[in-house]
C-alpha atoms as a PDB file:
ATOM      1  CA  MET A   1     142.122 106.561 112.777  1.00  0.00           C
ATOM      2  CA  THR A   2     139.876 103.423 111.255  1.00  0.00           C
ATOM      3  CA  GLU A   3     136.238 103.584 110.826  1.00  0.00           C
ATOM      4  CA  SER A   4     133.900 100.851 111.583  1.00  0.00           C
ATOM      5  CA  THR A   5     130.628  99.929 110.144  1.00  0.00           C
ATOM      6  CA  THR A   6     128.049  97.985 111.460  1.00  0.00           C
ATOM      7  CA  HIS A   7     126.216  95.619 108.993  1.00  0.00           C
ATOM      8  CA  LYS A   8     122.903  94.675 109.833  1.00  0.00           C
ATOM      9  CA  PRO A   9     121.364  91.512 108.376  1.00  0.00           C
ATOM     10  CA  THR A  10     119.863  91.638 105.275  1.00  0.00           C
ATOM     11  CA  ASP A  11     117.170  89.428 103.537  1.00  0.00           C
ATOM     12  CA  ASP A  12     118.324  87.258 100.747  1.00  0.00           C
ATOM     13  CA  GLY A  13     115.013  87.663  99.086  1.00  0.00           C
ATOM     14  CA  GLY A  14     115.429  91.098  98.000  1.00  0.00           C
ATOM     15  CA  PRO A  15     112.280  93.553  98.464  1.00  0.00           C
ATOM     16  CA  ILE A  16     108.971  91.889  98.931  1.00  0.00           C
ATOM     17  CA  ALA A  17     106.774  91.234  96.062  1.00  0.00           C
ATOM     18  CA  ASP A  18     102.786  91.676  96.193  1.00  0.00           C
ATOM     19  CA  PRO A  19     101.158  88.493  96.318  1.00  0.00           C
ATOM     20  CA  PRO A  20     100.264  86.910  92.340  1.00  0.00           C
ATOM     21  CA  PRO A  21      96.697  88.171  91.946  1.00  0.00           C
ATOM     22  CA  SER A  22      93.768  85.695  92.789  1.00  0.00           C
ATOM     23  CA  PRO A  23      91.731  84.525  89.900  1.00  0.00           C
ATOM     24  CA  PRO A  24      88.184  86.225  89.341  1.00  0.00           C
ATOM     25  CA  GLU A  25      85.573  85.501  90.902  1.00  0.00           C
ATOM     26  CA  LYS A  26      82.663  83.145  89.432  1.00  0.00           C
ATOM     27  CA  ILE A  27      79.778  85.380  88.660  1.00  0.00           C
ATOM     28  CA  LEU A  28      76.934  83.613  89.555  1.00  0.00           C
ATOM     29  CA  CYS A  29      74.123  85.801  87.849  1.00  0.00           C
ATOM     30  CA  PRO A  30      75.170  87.496  84.270  1.00  0.00           C
ATOM     31  CA  HIS A  31      72.640  90.201  85.076  1.00  0.00           C
ATOM     32  CA  CYS A  32      73.257  91.651  88.548  1.00  0.00           C
ATOM     33  CA  GLN A  33      76.933  90.382  88.196  1.00  0.00           C
ATOM     34  CA  ARG A  34      76.416  88.521  91.574  1.00  0.00           C
ATOM     35  CA  THR A  35      79.362  86.401  92.895  1.00  0.00           C
ATOM     36  CA  ALA A  36      79.498  84.348  96.279  1.00  0.00           C
ATOM     37  CA  THR A  37      81.225  86.961  98.178  1.00  0.00           C
ATOM     38  CA  ASN A  38      80.350  90.548  96.672  1.00  0.00           C
ATOM     39  CA  GLY A  39      77.759  91.377  98.922  1.00  0.00           C
ATOM     40  CA  ILE A  40      75.231  92.222  95.177  1.00  0.00           C
ATOM     41  CA  LYS A  41      71.793  90.722  95.898  1.00  0.00           C
ATOM     42  CA  CYS A  42      69.848  89.823  92.891  1.00  0.00           C
ATOM     43  CA  GLN A  43      67.577  91.798  91.152  1.00  0.00           C
ATOM     44  CA  GLY A  44      65.079  88.617  90.229  1.00  0.00           C
ATOM     45  CA  ILE A  45      65.524  89.487  86.675  1.00  0.00           C
ATOM     46  CA  CYS A  46      67.479  86.245  86.273  1.00  0.00           C
ATOM     47  CA  VAL A  47      63.993  84.244  87.420  1.00  0.00           C
ATOM     48  CA  ALA A  48      62.017  85.862  84.801  1.00  0.00           C
ATOM     49  CA  ASP A  49      64.786  84.856  81.985  1.00  0.00           C
ATOM     50  CA  SER A  50      64.947  81.245  83.325  1.00  0.00           C
ATOM     51  CA  ASP A  51      61.494  80.300  81.372  1.00  0.00           C
ATOM     52  CA  TYR A  52      59.827  78.686  84.371  1.00  0.00           C
END
């Protein structure tokens, strides 16, 4: 008696790796740590410190 095995096609790339980390976002305000996409609203301190 012979045993037959079925072989499923495999991915040549091996395990799926995590994507490379994205570079950190530029901080627009050093006081409130606001970036363009993090949803933080500026506290107004930066306006007071800007010598206007």
